[in-house]
N, C-alpha and C. Protein backbone atom coordinates (compact mmCIF):
# COMPACT_ATOMS: atom_id res chain seq x y z
N MET A 1 146.78 124.46 52.48
CA MET A 1 147.46 123.33 51.85
C MET A 1 146.61 122.07 51.86
N SER A 2 145.66 122.01 52.81
CA SER A 2 144.79 120.84 52.89
C SER A 2 143.59 120.96 51.96
N GLY A 3 143.47 122.09 51.27
CA GLY A 3 142.35 122.29 50.35
C GLY A 3 141.24 123.14 50.91
N SER A 4 141.34 123.55 52.20
CA SER A 4 140.31 124.39 52.81
C SER A 4 140.49 125.84 52.37
N SER A 5 139.37 126.55 52.25
CA SER A 5 139.44 127.95 51.88
C SER A 5 140.02 128.77 53.04
N MET A 6 140.91 129.72 52.72
CA MET A 6 141.48 130.57 53.76
C MET A 6 140.41 131.39 54.46
N LEU A 7 139.35 131.76 53.73
CA LEU A 7 138.29 132.56 54.33
C LEU A 7 137.54 131.80 55.42
N SER A 8 137.61 130.48 55.40
CA SER A 8 136.94 129.70 56.45
C SER A 8 137.60 129.91 57.80
N PHE A 9 138.86 130.38 57.80
CA PHE A 9 139.56 130.66 59.05
C PHE A 9 139.49 132.14 59.42
N VAL A 10 138.90 132.96 58.57
CA VAL A 10 138.76 134.40 58.83
C VAL A 10 137.28 134.75 58.62
N PRO A 11 136.43 134.49 59.60
CA PRO A 11 134.98 134.65 59.43
C PRO A 11 134.55 136.12 59.47
N LEU A 12 134.77 136.81 58.39
CA LEU A 12 134.43 138.24 58.33
C LEU A 12 132.92 138.47 58.33
N HIS A 13 132.15 137.44 58.01
CA HIS A 13 130.70 137.59 57.88
C HIS A 13 129.94 137.21 59.14
N LEU A 14 130.66 136.80 60.18
CA LEU A 14 130.00 136.35 61.41
C LEU A 14 130.19 137.37 62.53
N GLY A 15 129.09 137.68 63.22
CA GLY A 15 129.17 138.58 64.37
C GLY A 15 129.74 137.87 65.58
N THR A 16 130.03 138.64 66.60
CA THR A 16 130.66 138.11 67.80
C THR A 16 129.86 136.98 68.42
N PHE A 17 128.55 137.16 68.57
CA PHE A 17 127.74 136.19 69.29
C PHE A 17 127.32 135.02 68.41
N GLN A 18 127.67 135.07 67.14
CA GLN A 18 127.51 133.91 66.28
C GLN A 18 128.68 132.96 66.43
N ARG A 19 129.75 133.44 67.02
CA ARG A 19 130.96 132.63 67.18
C ARG A 19 131.24 132.27 68.64
N ALA A 20 130.98 133.21 69.54
CA ALA A 20 131.39 133.05 70.93
C ALA A 20 130.40 132.21 71.73
N PRO A 21 130.84 131.64 72.86
CA PRO A 21 129.91 130.92 73.74
C PRO A 21 128.86 131.88 74.32
N ASP A 22 127.76 131.29 74.79
CA ASP A 22 126.68 132.09 75.38
C ASP A 22 127.15 132.84 76.62
N SER A 23 128.22 132.35 77.24
CA SER A 23 128.69 132.98 78.49
C SER A 23 129.19 134.41 78.25
N LEU A 24 129.59 134.75 77.02
CA LEU A 24 130.03 136.12 76.74
C LEU A 24 128.87 137.09 76.89
N LEU A 25 127.72 136.74 76.33
CA LEU A 25 126.55 137.61 76.45
C LEU A 25 126.12 137.73 77.90
N GLN A 26 126.18 136.62 78.65
CA GLN A 26 125.81 136.66 80.06
C GLN A 26 126.76 137.55 80.85
N TRP A 27 128.04 137.54 80.49
CA TRP A 27 129.03 138.39 81.17
C TRP A 27 128.73 139.86 80.92
N ILE A 28 128.41 140.22 79.68
CA ILE A 28 128.11 141.62 79.36
C ILE A 28 126.80 142.04 80.04
N ARG A 29 125.82 141.16 80.06
CA ARG A 29 124.56 141.48 80.75
C ARG A 29 124.80 141.73 82.23
N GLY A 30 125.77 141.02 82.80
CA GLY A 30 126.04 141.15 84.22
C GLY A 30 126.57 142.52 84.60
N TRP A 31 127.63 143.00 83.91
CA TRP A 31 128.20 144.28 84.35
C TRP A 31 127.42 145.49 83.83
N THR A 32 126.60 145.31 82.78
CA THR A 32 125.73 146.42 82.36
C THR A 32 124.44 146.46 83.18
N ASN A 33 124.21 145.41 83.98
CA ASN A 33 122.99 145.30 84.79
C ASN A 33 121.74 145.35 83.92
N CYS A 34 121.83 144.68 82.76
CA CYS A 34 120.70 144.61 81.83
C CYS A 34 120.45 143.13 81.51
N PRO A 35 119.67 142.43 82.34
CA PRO A 35 119.50 140.98 82.15
C PRO A 35 118.83 140.60 80.84
N ASP A 36 118.12 141.53 80.21
CA ASP A 36 117.43 141.22 78.95
C ASP A 36 118.15 141.78 77.73
N LEU A 37 119.37 142.23 77.92
CA LEU A 37 120.12 142.84 76.82
C LEU A 37 120.42 141.82 75.73
N ASP A 38 120.10 142.17 74.49
CA ASP A 38 120.38 141.31 73.34
C ASP A 38 121.11 142.13 72.27
N PRO A 39 121.98 141.48 71.49
CA PRO A 39 122.65 142.21 70.41
C PRO A 39 121.66 142.65 69.35
N LEU A 40 121.87 143.83 68.82
CA LEU A 40 121.01 144.35 67.76
C LEU A 40 121.23 143.57 66.47
N THR A 41 120.17 143.29 65.76
CA THR A 41 120.29 142.72 64.43
C THR A 41 120.56 143.85 63.44
N PRO A 42 121.06 143.55 62.24
CA PRO A 42 121.29 144.62 61.26
C PRO A 42 120.04 145.47 60.99
N GLU A 43 118.87 144.85 60.99
CA GLU A 43 117.64 145.62 60.79
C GLU A 43 117.39 146.58 61.96
N GLN A 44 117.76 146.15 63.16
CA GLN A 44 117.53 146.98 64.35
C GLN A 44 118.52 148.14 64.48
N TRP A 45 119.59 148.14 63.70
CA TRP A 45 120.51 149.29 63.74
C TRP A 45 119.76 150.58 63.41
N PHE A 46 118.71 150.47 62.59
CA PHE A 46 117.98 151.64 62.11
C PHE A 46 116.69 151.91 62.89
N THR A 47 116.36 151.02 63.81
CA THR A 47 115.14 151.20 64.61
C THR A 47 115.49 151.24 66.09
N LEU A 48 115.62 150.08 66.72
CA LEU A 48 115.94 150.05 68.14
C LEU A 48 117.30 150.69 68.43
N GLY A 49 118.24 150.54 67.50
CA GLY A 49 119.54 151.20 67.67
C GLY A 49 119.43 152.71 67.72
N GLN A 50 118.38 153.24 67.11
CA GLN A 50 118.08 154.68 67.17
C GLN A 50 117.03 154.97 68.25
N ASN A 51 116.78 153.98 69.12
CA ASN A 51 115.83 154.10 70.23
C ASN A 51 114.38 154.21 69.77
N ILE A 52 114.07 153.77 68.56
CA ILE A 52 112.70 153.78 68.05
C ILE A 52 112.05 152.43 68.37
N ILE A 53 110.97 152.47 69.12
CA ILE A 53 110.31 151.22 69.52
C ILE A 53 108.89 151.12 68.96
N GLY A 54 108.61 151.93 67.98
CA GLY A 54 107.28 151.90 67.37
C GLY A 54 106.85 153.31 67.02
N GLY A 55 105.56 153.51 66.85
CA GLY A 55 105.06 154.83 66.50
C GLY A 55 103.61 154.75 66.08
N ALA A 56 103.07 155.90 65.79
CA ALA A 56 101.67 155.98 65.36
C ALA A 56 101.47 157.26 64.58
N LYS A 57 100.39 157.32 63.83
CA LYS A 57 100.08 158.52 63.06
C LYS A 57 99.44 159.58 63.97
N GLY A 58 99.89 160.82 63.77
CA GLY A 58 99.31 161.91 64.52
C GLY A 58 98.03 162.42 63.88
N GLU A 59 97.49 163.48 64.43
CA GLU A 59 96.24 164.05 63.92
C GLU A 59 96.38 164.56 62.49
N ASP A 60 97.62 164.95 62.13
CA ASP A 60 97.85 165.45 60.78
C ASP A 60 98.15 164.34 59.78
N GLY A 61 98.11 163.09 60.25
CA GLY A 61 98.34 161.97 59.36
C GLY A 61 99.79 161.57 59.21
N LEU A 62 100.70 162.31 59.86
CA LEU A 62 102.12 161.99 59.78
C LEU A 62 102.48 160.96 60.84
N TRP A 63 103.36 160.05 60.46
CA TRP A 63 103.79 159.01 61.39
C TRP A 63 104.80 159.57 62.37
N LEU A 64 104.54 159.39 63.66
CA LEU A 64 105.43 159.90 64.70
C LEU A 64 106.06 158.73 65.45
N PRO A 65 107.39 158.67 65.49
CA PRO A 65 108.04 157.55 66.18
C PRO A 65 107.92 157.68 67.69
N LYS A 66 107.97 156.53 68.34
CA LYS A 66 108.00 156.47 69.80
C LYS A 66 109.39 156.04 70.23
N TYR A 67 109.96 156.77 71.19
CA TYR A 67 111.35 156.54 71.58
C TYR A 67 111.44 155.93 72.97
N SER A 68 112.54 155.21 73.20
CA SER A 68 112.82 154.64 74.50
C SER A 68 114.33 154.64 74.71
N THR A 69 114.77 154.97 75.91
CA THR A 69 116.20 154.96 76.21
C THR A 69 116.59 153.62 76.84
N GLY A 70 117.88 153.38 76.94
CA GLY A 70 118.37 152.15 77.53
C GLY A 70 119.79 151.88 77.09
N THR A 71 120.20 150.64 77.17
CA THR A 71 121.53 150.21 76.76
C THR A 71 121.40 149.42 75.47
N ARG A 72 122.25 149.74 74.50
CA ARG A 72 122.21 149.06 73.20
C ARG A 72 123.53 148.29 72.99
N LEU A 73 123.40 147.07 72.52
CA LEU A 73 124.56 146.22 72.28
C LEU A 73 124.74 146.01 70.78
N TRP A 74 125.85 146.52 70.26
CA TRP A 74 126.16 146.41 68.84
C TRP A 74 127.23 145.32 68.66
N ALA A 75 126.93 144.34 67.83
CA ALA A 75 127.87 143.23 67.59
C ALA A 75 127.87 142.87 66.12
N PRO A 76 128.33 143.78 65.27
CA PRO A 76 128.28 143.51 63.82
C PRO A 76 129.38 142.55 63.39
N PRO A 77 129.19 141.86 62.27
CA PRO A 77 130.30 141.14 61.66
C PRO A 77 131.39 142.14 61.28
N PRO A 78 132.66 141.75 61.31
CA PRO A 78 133.73 142.69 60.95
C PRO A 78 133.52 143.35 59.59
N ALA A 79 132.97 142.61 58.62
CA ALA A 79 132.78 143.17 57.28
C ALA A 79 131.70 144.25 57.27
N ALA A 80 130.83 144.27 58.29
CA ALA A 80 129.76 145.28 58.37
C ALA A 80 130.00 146.25 59.52
N GLY A 81 131.23 146.30 60.00
CA GLY A 81 131.52 147.16 61.13
C GLY A 81 131.34 148.64 60.84
N ARG A 82 131.65 149.05 59.62
CA ARG A 82 131.56 150.48 59.30
C ARG A 82 130.12 151.00 59.32
N PRO A 83 129.16 150.39 58.62
CA PRO A 83 127.79 150.91 58.71
C PRO A 83 127.22 150.84 60.12
N ALA A 84 127.59 149.81 60.90
CA ALA A 84 127.13 149.74 62.29
C ALA A 84 127.70 150.89 63.09
N MET A 85 128.98 151.18 62.90
CA MET A 85 129.62 152.29 63.60
C MET A 85 128.95 153.62 63.26
N GLU A 86 128.61 153.81 61.98
CA GLU A 86 127.98 155.06 61.56
C GLU A 86 126.61 155.24 62.20
N GLN A 87 125.84 154.15 62.30
CA GLN A 87 124.53 154.24 62.93
C GLN A 87 124.65 154.45 64.44
N LEU A 88 125.67 153.87 65.04
CA LEU A 88 125.91 154.10 66.46
C LEU A 88 126.20 155.57 66.72
N ARG A 89 127.03 156.19 65.88
CA ARG A 89 127.37 157.60 66.07
C ARG A 89 126.14 158.49 65.92
N ILE A 90 125.27 158.17 64.97
CA ILE A 90 124.04 158.94 64.80
C ILE A 90 123.17 158.83 66.05
N SER A 91 122.99 157.61 66.53
CA SER A 91 122.15 157.38 67.69
C SER A 91 122.71 158.07 68.93
N ARG A 92 124.01 158.01 69.09
CA ARG A 92 124.63 158.59 70.29
C ARG A 92 124.41 160.09 70.38
N HIS A 93 124.42 160.78 69.26
CA HIS A 93 124.26 162.23 69.28
C HIS A 93 122.81 162.68 69.18
N ARG A 94 121.91 161.74 68.95
CA ARG A 94 120.49 162.06 68.98
C ARG A 94 119.91 161.87 70.38
N HIS A 95 120.43 160.86 71.09
CA HIS A 95 119.88 160.49 72.39
C HIS A 95 121.02 160.44 73.40
N PHE A 96 121.14 161.49 74.20
CA PHE A 96 122.30 161.66 75.07
C PHE A 96 122.30 160.72 76.27
N ASP A 97 121.14 160.17 76.65
CA ASP A 97 121.06 159.39 77.88
C ASP A 97 121.09 157.89 77.64
N CYS A 98 121.59 157.46 76.50
CA CYS A 98 121.65 156.04 76.15
C CYS A 98 123.10 155.55 76.18
N MET A 99 123.32 154.36 76.70
CA MET A 99 124.66 153.77 76.72
C MET A 99 124.77 152.75 75.59
N HIS A 100 125.92 152.72 74.93
CA HIS A 100 126.15 151.79 73.83
C HIS A 100 127.38 150.94 74.13
N VAL A 101 127.28 149.65 73.84
CA VAL A 101 128.41 148.73 73.95
C VAL A 101 128.64 148.13 72.57
N PHE A 102 129.84 148.31 72.04
CA PHE A 102 130.20 147.85 70.71
C PHE A 102 131.24 146.75 70.85
N VAL A 103 130.93 145.55 70.37
CA VAL A 103 131.87 144.43 70.45
C VAL A 103 132.09 143.87 69.05
N CYS A 104 133.35 143.66 68.72
CA CYS A 104 133.68 143.13 67.39
C CYS A 104 135.08 142.54 67.41
N PRO A 105 135.27 141.37 66.81
CA PRO A 105 136.63 140.82 66.70
C PRO A 105 137.53 141.78 65.93
N ARG A 106 138.81 141.75 66.24
CA ARG A 106 139.74 142.69 65.62
C ARG A 106 140.12 142.22 64.21
N LEU A 107 139.14 142.31 63.31
CA LEU A 107 139.30 141.99 61.90
C LEU A 107 138.75 143.15 61.08
N MET A 108 139.38 143.46 59.98
CA MET A 108 138.95 144.58 59.13
C MET A 108 138.77 145.87 59.94
N CYS A 109 139.57 146.01 61.00
CA CYS A 109 139.37 147.14 61.90
C CYS A 109 139.75 148.47 61.26
N TYR A 110 140.48 148.46 60.14
CA TYR A 110 140.80 149.71 59.45
C TYR A 110 139.53 150.38 58.92
N GLU A 111 138.44 149.60 58.79
CA GLU A 111 137.18 150.12 58.28
C GLU A 111 136.38 150.88 59.35
N TRP A 112 136.49 150.46 60.61
CA TRP A 112 135.57 150.98 61.62
C TRP A 112 136.21 151.40 62.94
N ARG A 113 137.45 151.00 63.19
CA ARG A 113 138.02 151.24 64.53
C ARG A 113 138.19 152.72 64.84
N ARG A 114 138.65 153.52 63.88
CA ARG A 114 138.88 154.94 64.15
C ARG A 114 137.58 155.63 64.57
N GLY A 115 136.48 155.34 63.86
CA GLY A 115 135.21 155.96 64.22
C GLY A 115 134.73 155.53 65.59
N VAL A 116 134.93 154.26 65.93
CA VAL A 116 134.52 153.77 67.25
C VAL A 116 135.34 154.43 68.35
N LEU A 117 136.65 154.57 68.14
CA LEU A 117 137.52 155.18 69.14
C LEU A 117 137.16 156.64 69.39
N LYS A 118 136.68 157.33 68.36
CA LYS A 118 136.29 158.73 68.54
C LYS A 118 135.07 158.85 69.44
N GLU A 119 134.17 157.88 69.37
CA GLU A 119 132.93 157.95 70.14
C GLU A 119 133.07 157.33 71.52
N ALA A 120 133.86 156.27 71.65
CA ALA A 120 133.90 155.50 72.89
C ALA A 120 134.56 156.28 74.02
N ASP A 121 134.03 156.10 75.23
CA ASP A 121 134.64 156.71 76.40
C ASP A 121 135.80 155.84 76.91
N PHE A 122 135.70 154.55 76.73
CA PHE A 122 136.85 153.69 77.03
C PHE A 122 136.75 152.41 76.23
N VAL A 123 137.90 151.81 75.99
CA VAL A 123 138.00 150.62 75.13
C VAL A 123 138.95 149.63 75.78
N PHE A 124 138.63 148.35 75.69
CA PHE A 124 139.57 147.32 76.13
C PHE A 124 139.46 146.12 75.20
N TYR A 125 140.47 145.28 75.24
CA TYR A 125 140.53 144.10 74.37
C TYR A 125 140.58 142.84 75.22
N ILE A 126 139.87 141.83 74.78
CA ILE A 126 139.91 140.52 75.43
C ILE A 126 140.75 139.58 74.56
N PRO A 127 141.97 139.25 74.97
CA PRO A 127 142.80 138.36 74.15
C PRO A 127 142.16 136.98 74.03
N ALA A 128 142.34 136.35 72.90
CA ALA A 128 141.80 135.00 72.69
C ALA A 128 142.41 134.04 73.70
N GLY A 129 141.57 133.35 74.45
CA GLY A 129 142.04 132.41 75.45
C GLY A 129 142.20 133.01 76.83
N ALA A 130 142.01 134.33 76.97
CA ALA A 130 142.17 134.96 78.27
C ALA A 130 141.06 134.57 79.23
N ARG A 131 139.86 134.32 78.71
CA ARG A 131 138.72 133.91 79.52
C ARG A 131 137.93 132.86 78.74
N GLU A 132 137.13 132.10 79.48
CA GLU A 132 136.38 131.02 78.82
C GLU A 132 135.32 131.55 77.86
N PHE A 133 134.87 132.78 78.06
CA PHE A 133 133.84 133.30 77.15
C PHE A 133 134.44 133.85 75.86
N TRP A 134 135.76 133.88 75.74
CA TRP A 134 136.41 134.21 74.47
C TRP A 134 137.63 133.29 74.33
N PRO A 135 137.39 132.02 73.98
CA PRO A 135 138.44 131.00 74.00
C PRO A 135 139.48 131.18 72.91
N LYS A 136 140.52 130.40 73.03
CA LYS A 136 141.67 130.51 72.11
C LYS A 136 141.31 130.25 70.65
N PRO A 137 140.36 129.36 70.32
CA PRO A 137 140.00 129.16 68.90
C PRO A 137 139.45 130.40 68.21
N MET A 138 139.09 131.44 68.97
CA MET A 138 138.64 132.70 68.35
C MET A 138 139.79 133.41 67.64
N CYS A 139 141.02 133.09 68.02
CA CYS A 139 142.27 133.56 67.38
C CYS A 139 142.56 135.04 67.63
N GLU A 140 141.71 135.94 67.17
CA GLU A 140 142.02 137.37 67.31
C GLU A 140 141.36 137.94 68.58
N PRO A 141 141.90 139.05 69.12
CA PRO A 141 141.29 139.67 70.31
C PRO A 141 139.90 140.22 69.98
N LEU A 142 139.10 140.34 71.02
CA LEU A 142 137.77 140.94 70.90
C LEU A 142 137.83 142.37 71.42
N MET A 143 137.44 143.31 70.60
CA MET A 143 137.41 144.72 71.00
C MET A 143 136.06 145.04 71.62
N VAL A 144 136.11 145.64 72.81
CA VAL A 144 134.89 146.07 73.51
C VAL A 144 135.00 147.57 73.74
N ALA A 145 134.11 148.33 73.13
CA ALA A 145 134.10 149.79 73.27
C ALA A 145 132.80 150.21 73.94
N VAL A 146 132.90 151.06 74.93
CA VAL A 146 131.73 151.49 75.69
C VAL A 146 131.54 153.00 75.53
N CYS A 147 130.38 153.37 75.04
CA CYS A 147 129.99 154.78 74.92
C CYS A 147 129.03 155.09 76.05
N LEU A 148 129.49 155.86 77.01
CA LEU A 148 128.68 156.17 78.18
C LEU A 148 127.70 157.29 77.86
N PRO A 149 126.60 157.38 78.60
CA PRO A 149 125.67 158.50 78.39
C PRO A 149 126.34 159.83 78.67
N PHE A 150 125.94 160.87 77.97
CA PHE A 150 126.41 162.21 78.28
C PHE A 150 125.78 162.65 79.61
N ILE A 151 126.47 163.51 80.34
CA ILE A 151 125.89 164.07 81.56
C ILE A 151 125.43 165.49 81.28
N ARG A 152 124.63 166.07 82.19
CA ARG A 152 123.92 167.31 81.92
C ARG A 152 124.74 168.58 82.15
N HIS A 153 125.98 168.42 82.58
CA HIS A 153 126.82 169.60 82.82
C HIS A 153 128.27 169.25 82.51
N PHE A 154 129.14 170.21 82.65
CA PHE A 154 130.56 170.00 82.35
C PHE A 154 131.08 168.81 83.16
N PRO A 155 131.87 167.90 82.55
CA PRO A 155 132.48 167.94 81.21
C PRO A 155 131.62 167.32 80.12
N TRP A 156 130.32 167.05 80.38
CA TRP A 156 129.37 166.51 79.41
C TRP A 156 129.75 165.12 78.91
N LYS A 157 130.93 164.99 78.36
CA LYS A 157 131.41 163.69 77.90
C LYS A 157 132.55 163.25 78.80
N LEU A 158 132.53 161.97 79.22
CA LEU A 158 133.48 161.49 80.22
C LEU A 158 134.78 160.97 79.63
N GLN A 159 134.88 160.99 78.32
CA GLN A 159 136.10 160.51 77.67
C GLN A 159 137.32 161.30 78.15
N ARG A 160 138.40 160.59 78.44
CA ARG A 160 139.68 161.15 78.87
C ARG A 160 139.68 161.67 80.31
N ALA A 161 138.62 161.44 81.07
CA ALA A 161 138.67 161.76 82.49
C ALA A 161 139.72 160.86 83.15
N THR A 162 140.48 161.42 84.09
CA THR A 162 141.60 160.69 84.68
C THR A 162 141.16 159.37 85.31
N LYS A 163 140.06 159.39 86.07
CA LYS A 163 139.59 158.17 86.72
C LYS A 163 139.16 157.12 85.70
N LEU A 164 138.59 157.58 84.60
CA LEU A 164 138.15 156.65 83.57
C LEU A 164 139.35 156.00 82.87
N LEU A 165 140.39 156.76 82.64
CA LEU A 165 141.60 156.22 82.03
C LEU A 165 142.27 155.20 82.96
N GLU A 166 142.25 155.50 84.26
CA GLU A 166 142.81 154.56 85.23
C GLU A 166 142.03 153.24 85.23
N MET A 167 140.70 153.35 85.15
CA MET A 167 139.87 152.15 85.11
C MET A 167 140.12 151.34 83.84
N GLU A 168 140.29 152.04 82.71
CA GLU A 168 140.56 151.36 81.45
C GLU A 168 141.86 150.57 81.52
N ARG A 169 142.90 151.19 82.08
CA ARG A 169 144.18 150.50 82.23
C ARG A 169 144.05 149.31 83.18
N SER A 170 143.25 149.47 84.22
CA SER A 170 143.07 148.39 85.19
C SER A 170 142.38 147.18 84.55
N VAL A 171 141.34 147.43 83.76
CA VAL A 171 140.61 146.35 83.10
C VAL A 171 141.52 145.63 82.11
N ARG A 172 142.28 146.37 81.34
CA ARG A 172 143.18 145.74 80.37
C ARG A 172 144.22 144.87 81.07
N ALA A 173 144.74 145.36 82.21
CA ALA A 173 145.75 144.60 82.94
C ALA A 173 145.15 143.33 83.55
N MET A 174 143.91 143.39 83.98
CA MET A 174 143.27 142.22 84.59
C MET A 174 143.11 141.09 83.58
N PHE A 175 142.85 141.41 82.33
CA PHE A 175 142.72 140.37 81.31
C PHE A 175 144.06 139.71 81.01
N LYS A 176 145.14 140.45 81.18
CA LYS A 176 146.46 139.92 80.85
C LYS A 176 147.12 139.20 82.03
N ALA A 177 146.77 139.61 83.26
CA ALA A 177 147.55 139.17 84.40
C ALA A 177 146.97 137.97 85.16
N ASP A 178 145.69 137.96 85.44
CA ASP A 178 145.14 136.93 86.32
C ASP A 178 143.73 136.53 85.90
N ASP A 179 143.10 135.75 86.77
CA ASP A 179 141.77 135.24 86.48
C ASP A 179 140.66 136.03 87.17
N SER A 180 140.97 137.20 87.70
CA SER A 180 139.94 138.02 88.33
C SER A 180 138.96 138.54 87.28
N ASP A 181 137.78 138.92 87.72
CA ASP A 181 136.72 139.30 86.80
C ASP A 181 136.70 140.82 86.61
N PRO A 182 137.09 141.33 85.45
CA PRO A 182 137.01 142.77 85.20
C PRO A 182 135.59 143.29 85.22
N GLY A 183 134.60 142.40 85.10
CA GLY A 183 133.21 142.82 85.15
C GLY A 183 132.85 143.52 86.45
N THR A 184 133.56 143.19 87.54
CA THR A 184 133.30 143.85 88.82
C THR A 184 133.61 145.33 88.73
N VAL A 185 134.74 145.67 88.11
CA VAL A 185 135.12 147.07 87.95
C VAL A 185 134.13 147.79 87.03
N LEU A 186 133.74 147.14 85.95
CA LEU A 186 132.81 147.74 85.00
C LEU A 186 131.43 147.94 85.63
N CYS A 187 131.02 147.02 86.48
CA CYS A 187 129.72 147.14 87.14
C CYS A 187 129.72 148.34 88.08
N LYS A 188 130.82 148.58 88.79
CA LYS A 188 130.92 149.73 89.68
C LYS A 188 130.83 151.03 88.90
N LEU A 189 131.44 151.04 87.71
CA LEU A 189 131.37 152.24 86.87
C LEU A 189 129.94 152.53 86.45
N CYS A 190 129.21 151.50 86.02
CA CYS A 190 127.83 151.69 85.58
C CYS A 190 126.96 152.20 86.72
N LYS A 191 127.21 151.74 87.93
CA LYS A 191 126.44 152.22 89.08
C LYS A 191 126.76 153.68 89.37
N LEU A 192 128.04 154.07 89.21
CA LEU A 192 128.44 155.45 89.45
C LEU A 192 127.76 156.39 88.46
N LEU A 193 127.61 155.94 87.22
CA LEU A 193 127.02 156.79 86.19
C LEU A 193 125.60 157.24 86.55
N ARG A 194 124.87 156.36 87.23
CA ARG A 194 123.50 156.69 87.58
C ARG A 194 123.41 157.82 88.59
N LYS A 195 124.54 158.13 89.25
CA LYS A 195 124.53 159.15 90.28
C LYS A 195 125.10 160.49 89.81
N LEU A 196 125.76 160.51 88.66
CA LEU A 196 126.50 161.70 88.25
C LEU A 196 125.60 162.90 88.02
N ASP A 197 124.44 162.70 87.41
CA ASP A 197 123.56 163.82 87.11
C ASP A 197 123.01 164.49 88.37
N SER A 198 123.01 163.75 89.47
CA SER A 198 122.51 164.32 90.72
C SER A 198 123.59 165.08 91.49
N LEU A 199 124.83 165.00 91.02
CA LEU A 199 125.93 165.69 91.69
C LEU A 199 126.19 167.04 91.05
N SER A 200 126.79 167.93 91.81
CA SER A 200 127.14 169.25 91.30
C SER A 200 128.31 169.12 90.33
N PRO A 201 128.46 170.07 89.38
CA PRO A 201 129.60 170.01 88.46
C PRO A 201 130.94 169.97 89.17
N GLU A 202 131.07 170.69 90.28
CA GLU A 202 132.33 170.70 91.01
C GLU A 202 132.65 169.32 91.58
N LEU A 203 131.62 168.64 92.11
CA LEU A 203 131.83 167.31 92.68
C LEU A 203 132.14 166.28 91.59
N VAL A 204 131.50 166.42 90.43
CA VAL A 204 131.78 165.51 89.32
C VAL A 204 133.24 165.64 88.90
N ARG A 205 133.71 166.87 88.78
CA ARG A 205 135.11 167.09 88.38
C ARG A 205 136.07 166.50 89.42
N LYS A 206 135.68 166.58 90.69
CA LYS A 206 136.53 166.05 91.76
C LYS A 206 136.55 164.53 91.73
N VAL A 207 135.37 163.93 91.55
CA VAL A 207 135.28 162.47 91.56
C VAL A 207 136.02 161.86 90.38
N LEU A 208 135.85 162.45 89.20
CA LEU A 208 136.44 161.91 87.98
C LEU A 208 137.80 162.49 87.67
N GLN A 209 138.20 163.49 88.45
CA GLN A 209 139.48 164.18 88.24
C GLN A 209 139.60 164.72 86.82
N VAL A 210 138.65 165.59 86.51
CA VAL A 210 138.59 166.21 85.18
C VAL A 210 139.20 167.59 85.25
N ASP A 211 140.08 167.92 84.31
CA ASP A 211 140.68 169.24 84.25
C ASP A 211 139.70 170.25 83.70
N GLU A 212 139.85 171.50 84.08
CA GLU A 212 139.01 172.57 83.54
C GLU A 212 139.27 172.77 82.07
């Protein structure tokens, strides 16, 4: 009514870290234990997002890519959520030992949310105003989906493990109930992941309470 465009209040073209305070990135770096973690640019969805860090020509003259594992942070604008999600799914099934964190405001989620939920091991939402790193002027909740690395034995994928579901519910409740830092719980999970491959399948099932 004041003459402003409605789209100015619905920034579909802006990624999470183009809108949010710097403290959001610092918070994610903290619980992932990756102090140099940066969000992927759209160009990097097809290179670093696929764990390609360069390459060289082989003896036969063909270019051979060089790969590196690690944690990848995807933060596409809502309008570009679908192509980012598709590249994340490709990368996840090519490189089993890489962790992916996908963050996006809950806008145009009909385009990309279903695909993200299929891949993610757990998902939580940060309501606008719940914490200083996602203040009330953001309006819509921020969706955070975490795709954990696959492990080398059964159950291979940790999605729907009882302990993981309990942790997901705990993190969601912490954002709604008090000012405690859910990052502490997430940090403990990331530390546990580094030990899973060294445990026997029977012990993994016991720790995570996974059904046969």
